[in-house]
Amino acid sequence: MPAEKLIANEILEKLWIYFMVNFITKLLLVARKDVILVVCNKLSKMAHFVVTTEKTSAEDLIKLFKNNV
């Protein structure tokens, strides 16, 4: 049977549709940061780790997310 032409896999345009967010808290204070914000893409398992503090407001977390993910 002859070989067929290879077809490239479909590239997803909206990769970060489904993701999960978690916090690693109660860490030792280093450079005035004691929390790690973990954002993980459920499809590709790509993760981003952002350092912050426990006193960060919700608005500041949104800014951190936008600037780092």
Protein backbone atom coordinates (compact mmCIF):
# COMPACT_ATOMS: atom_id res chain seq x y z
CA MET A 1 0.00 0.00 0.00
CA PRO A 2 1.53 3.39 -0.94
CA ALA A 3 2.30 5.94 1.78
CA GLU A 4 -0.03 8.91 2.02
CA LYS A 5 0.82 12.56 2.38
CA LEU A 6 1.32 13.69 5.99
CA ILE A 7 -1.23 16.09 7.44
CA ALA A 8 -0.22 18.57 10.15
CA ASN A 9 -2.10 18.53 13.45
CA GLU A 10 -4.66 21.24 14.02
CA ILE A 11 -3.28 24.18 16.01
CA LEU A 12 -5.69 25.47 18.62
CA GLU A 13 -6.18 29.22 18.48
CA LYS A 14 -7.64 29.59 21.98
CA LEU A 15 -5.27 27.48 24.03
CA TRP A 16 -5.97 29.14 27.38
CA ILE A 17 -9.74 28.57 27.52
CA TYR A 18 -9.70 25.96 30.29
CA PHE A 19 -7.23 26.57 33.08
CA MET A 20 -6.95 26.15 36.83
CA VAL A 21 -5.60 28.58 39.39
CA ASN A 22 -4.15 27.67 42.76
CA PHE A 23 -2.06 29.26 45.49
CA ILE A 24 0.92 27.94 47.40
CA THR A 25 0.82 29.81 50.70
CA LYS A 26 2.62 30.10 54.04
CA LEU A 27 6.06 30.11 52.42
CA LEU A 28 9.14 31.69 53.92
CA LEU A 29 9.36 35.40 53.23
CA VAL A 30 11.86 36.00 50.41
CA ALA A 31 12.17 39.45 48.81
CA ARG A 32 8.90 40.39 50.59
CA LYS A 33 7.01 37.62 48.72
CA ASP A 34 5.40 34.64 50.47
CA VAL A 35 2.82 33.22 48.03
CA ILE A 36 3.08 31.58 44.62
CA LEU A 37 0.17 31.93 42.22
CA VAL A 38 0.01 28.82 40.00
CA VAL A 39 -1.91 29.01 36.72
CA CYS A 40 -2.07 25.77 34.71
CA ASN A 41 -3.58 25.14 31.27
CA LYS A 42 -5.68 21.96 31.47
CA LEU A 43 -5.09 21.02 27.83
CA SER A 44 -1.35 21.46 27.38
CA LYS A 45 -0.39 21.23 31.09
CA MET A 46 1.68 24.41 30.65
CA ALA A 47 2.05 26.22 33.98
CA HIS A 48 2.96 29.72 35.07
CA PHE A 49 4.25 30.50 38.55
CA VAL A 50 3.91 34.09 39.81
CA VAL A 51 5.24 35.26 43.17
CA THR A 52 3.12 37.61 45.26
CA THR A 53 2.11 38.30 48.86
CA GLU A 54 -0.82 37.22 51.02
CA LYS A 55 -2.03 40.83 51.21
CA THR A 56 -2.54 41.12 47.43
CA SER A 57 -6.05 42.29 46.55
CA ALA A 58 -8.30 40.67 43.95
CA GLU A 59 -7.72 43.56 41.56
CA ASP A 60 -3.96 43.14 41.88
CA LEU A 61 -4.28 39.39 41.24
CA ILE A 62 -6.14 40.14 38.02
CA LYS A 63 -3.31 42.47 36.96
CA LEU A 64 -0.72 39.79 37.85
CA PHE A 65 -2.64 37.25 35.80
CA LYS A 66 -2.91 39.55 32.78
CA ASN A 67 0.75 40.56 32.88
CA ASN A 68 2.24 37.11 33.46
CA VAL A 69 0.07 34.57 31.67
